[in-house]
Amino acid sequence: MDKDWERLGRLKPEEKVLICMDMTDGCVRICADGIKNQYPGINEEDLLEKLRERLEWAKRNR
């Protein structure tokens, strides 16, 4: 674990941002997939609205 932290510490700031963005995209995709499973046949507009609601809820309840 310490070696992983050391390796992360040596990354350039731009590389750290890209990793963070990739992780965020992955989390959003997983959340969207959960909504799709919960609401089969949901249209894109409603999916985005529910996704926004969930992300806002998570932000408020940290």
N, C-alpha and C. Protein backbone atom coordinates (compact mmCIF):
# COMPACT_ATOMS: atom_id res chain seq x y z
N MET A 1 0.83 -1.19 0.00
CA MET A 1 0.00 0.00 0.00
C MET A 1 0.88 1.25 0.00
N ASP A 2 1.93 1.25 0.79
CA ASP A 2 2.83 2.42 0.84
C ASP A 2 3.46 2.68 -0.52
N LYS A 3 3.81 1.61 -1.24
CA LYS A 3 4.41 1.77 -2.57
C LYS A 3 3.42 2.42 -3.53
N ASP A 4 2.14 2.04 -3.40
CA ASP A 4 1.12 2.66 -4.25
C ASP A 4 1.01 4.16 -3.98
N TRP A 5 1.04 4.54 -2.71
CA TRP A 5 0.97 5.97 -2.36
C TRP A 5 2.19 6.71 -2.86
N GLU A 6 3.34 6.08 -2.76
CA GLU A 6 4.57 6.71 -3.27
C GLU A 6 4.46 6.92 -4.77
N ARG A 7 3.97 5.92 -5.47
CA ARG A 7 3.82 6.01 -6.92
C ARG A 7 2.82 7.12 -7.28
N LEU A 8 1.72 7.19 -6.56
CA LEU A 8 0.74 8.25 -6.80
C LEU A 8 1.34 9.63 -6.53
N GLY A 9 2.16 9.71 -5.51
CA GLY A 9 2.80 10.98 -5.18
C GLY A 9 3.75 11.47 -6.25
N ARG A 10 4.29 10.56 -7.03
CA ARG A 10 5.24 10.94 -8.09
C ARG A 10 4.55 11.35 -9.39
N LEU A 11 3.25 11.13 -9.46
CA LEU A 11 2.53 11.51 -10.68
C LEU A 11 2.48 13.02 -10.83
N LYS A 12 2.44 13.45 -12.07
CA LYS A 12 2.26 14.87 -12.35
C LYS A 12 0.83 15.26 -11.98
N PRO A 13 0.61 16.51 -11.63
CA PRO A 13 -0.76 16.94 -11.29
C PRO A 13 -1.76 16.63 -12.40
N GLU A 14 -1.35 16.80 -13.66
CA GLU A 14 -2.25 16.52 -14.77
C GLU A 14 -2.66 15.05 -14.79
N GLU A 15 -1.72 14.17 -14.46
CA GLU A 15 -2.01 12.73 -14.44
C GLU A 15 -2.98 12.41 -13.31
N LYS A 16 -2.81 13.06 -12.19
CA LYS A 16 -3.73 12.85 -11.05
C LYS A 16 -5.14 13.30 -11.41
N VAL A 17 -5.24 14.43 -12.11
CA VAL A 17 -6.55 14.92 -12.52
C VAL A 17 -7.21 13.94 -13.48
N LEU A 18 -6.46 13.41 -14.43
CA LEU A 18 -7.01 12.45 -15.38
C LEU A 18 -7.50 11.19 -14.68
N ILE A 19 -6.75 10.72 -13.70
CA ILE A 19 -7.16 9.54 -12.93
C ILE A 19 -8.47 9.84 -12.20
N CYS A 20 -8.53 11.00 -11.59
CA CYS A 20 -9.73 11.40 -10.86
C CYS A 20 -10.94 11.49 -11.80
N MET A 21 -10.73 12.06 -12.97
CA MET A 21 -11.82 12.18 -13.94
C MET A 21 -12.29 10.80 -14.40
N ASP A 22 -11.37 9.89 -14.64
CA ASP A 22 -11.73 8.53 -15.04
C ASP A 22 -12.54 7.83 -13.95
N MET A 23 -12.13 8.01 -12.70
CA MET A 23 -12.84 7.39 -11.58
C MET A 23 -14.23 7.99 -11.44
N THR A 24 -14.35 9.29 -11.61
CA THR A 24 -15.64 9.96 -11.53
C THR A 24 -16.56 9.47 -12.63
N ASP A 25 -16.04 9.38 -13.86
CA ASP A 25 -16.84 8.87 -14.98
C ASP A 25 -17.33 7.46 -14.69
N GLY A 26 -16.47 6.65 -14.13
CA GLY A 26 -16.86 5.27 -13.80
C GLY A 26 -17.98 5.25 -12.77
N CYS A 27 -17.90 6.08 -11.76
CA CYS A 27 -18.94 6.15 -10.73
C CYS A 27 -20.27 6.61 -11.32
N VAL A 28 -20.22 7.59 -12.21
CA VAL A 28 -21.44 8.10 -12.83
C VAL A 28 -22.06 7.02 -13.71
N ARG A 29 -21.24 6.28 -14.44
CA ARG A 29 -21.75 5.20 -15.29
C ARG A 29 -22.42 4.12 -14.45
N ILE A 30 -21.81 3.78 -13.33
CA ILE A 30 -22.38 2.76 -12.44
C ILE A 30 -23.72 3.24 -11.89
N CYS A 31 -23.78 4.49 -11.49
CA CYS A 31 -25.03 5.06 -10.98
C CYS A 31 -26.10 5.05 -12.07
N ALA A 32 -25.74 5.45 -13.27
CA ALA A 32 -26.69 5.46 -14.39
C ALA A 32 -27.19 4.04 -14.68
N ASP A 33 -26.30 3.07 -14.62
CA ASP A 33 -26.71 1.68 -14.85
C ASP A 33 -27.69 1.23 -13.77
N GLY A 34 -27.47 1.66 -12.53
CA GLY A 34 -28.40 1.33 -11.45
C GLY A 34 -29.78 1.92 -11.70
N ILE A 35 -29.81 3.15 -12.17
CA ILE A 35 -31.09 3.79 -12.49
C ILE A 35 -31.78 3.04 -13.63
N LYS A 36 -31.01 2.67 -14.66
CA LYS A 36 -31.59 1.92 -15.79
C LYS A 36 -32.17 0.59 -15.33
N ASN A 37 -31.49 -0.07 -14.40
CA ASN A 37 -32.01 -1.34 -13.87
C ASN A 37 -33.28 -1.11 -13.07
N GLN A 38 -33.33 0.01 -12.35
CA GLN A 38 -34.48 0.32 -11.52
C GLN A 38 -35.68 0.78 -12.36
N TYR A 39 -35.39 1.43 -13.47
CA TYR A 39 -36.43 1.97 -14.36
C TYR A 39 -36.18 1.49 -15.79
N PRO A 40 -36.50 0.24 -16.07
CA PRO A 40 -36.28 -0.27 -17.43
C PRO A 40 -37.05 0.58 -18.45
N GLY A 41 -36.43 0.88 -19.56
CA GLY A 41 -37.07 1.65 -20.60
C GLY A 41 -37.06 3.16 -20.37
N ILE A 42 -36.35 3.61 -19.35
CA ILE A 42 -36.28 5.05 -19.07
C ILE A 42 -35.65 5.78 -20.25
N ASN A 43 -36.20 6.95 -20.58
CA ASN A 43 -35.62 7.70 -21.69
C ASN A 43 -34.41 8.51 -21.20
N GLU A 44 -33.63 8.99 -22.13
CA GLU A 44 -32.36 9.67 -21.81
C GLU A 44 -32.58 10.91 -20.93
N GLU A 45 -33.62 11.69 -21.25
CA GLU A 45 -33.88 12.91 -20.49
C GLU A 45 -34.22 12.60 -19.03
N ASP A 46 -35.08 11.61 -18.81
CA ASP A 46 -35.44 11.23 -17.44
C ASP A 46 -34.26 10.59 -16.72
N LEU A 47 -33.47 9.83 -17.45
CA LEU A 47 -32.27 9.22 -16.86
C LEU A 47 -31.33 10.32 -16.34
N LEU A 48 -31.09 11.32 -17.16
CA LEU A 48 -30.20 12.41 -16.74
C LEU A 48 -30.76 13.16 -15.53
N GLU A 49 -32.07 13.35 -15.49
CA GLU A 49 -32.69 14.03 -14.35
C GLU A 49 -32.53 13.22 -13.07
N LYS A 50 -32.80 11.93 -13.15
CA LYS A 50 -32.64 11.07 -11.97
C LYS A 50 -31.17 10.99 -11.55
N LEU A 51 -30.28 10.97 -12.51
CA LEU A 51 -28.86 10.94 -12.21
C LEU A 51 -28.46 12.22 -11.48
N ARG A 52 -28.93 13.37 -11.96
CA ARG A 52 -28.65 14.64 -11.27
C ARG A 52 -29.19 14.62 -9.86
N GLU A 53 -30.41 14.11 -9.68
CA GLU A 53 -31.01 14.03 -8.36
C GLU A 53 -30.16 13.18 -7.41
N ARG A 54 -29.71 12.05 -7.90
CA ARG A 54 -28.90 11.15 -7.04
C ARG A 54 -27.56 11.78 -6.70
N LEU A 55 -26.95 12.42 -7.66
CA LEU A 55 -25.65 13.05 -7.38
C LEU A 55 -25.82 14.21 -6.40
N GLU A 56 -26.89 14.97 -6.54
CA GLU A 56 -27.16 16.06 -5.59
C GLU A 56 -27.43 15.51 -4.20
N TRP A 57 -28.22 14.42 -4.13
CA TRP A 57 -28.53 13.80 -2.84
C TRP A 57 -27.23 13.35 -2.16
N ALA A 58 -26.37 12.71 -2.92
CA ALA A 58 -25.11 12.22 -2.37
C ALA A 58 -24.25 13.40 -1.88
N LYS A 59 -24.26 14.48 -2.63
CA LYS A 59 -23.49 15.66 -2.26
C LYS A 59 -24.00 16.28 -0.97
N ARG A 60 -25.33 16.38 -0.84
CA ARG A 60 -25.93 16.98 0.36
C ARG A 60 -25.75 16.11 1.59
N ASN A 61 -25.69 14.82 1.41
CA ASN A 61 -25.69 13.89 2.56
C ASN A 61 -24.32 13.32 2.89
N ARG A 62 -23.29 14.01 2.52
CA ARG A 62 -21.94 13.54 2.87
C ARG A 62 -21.66 13.81 4.31
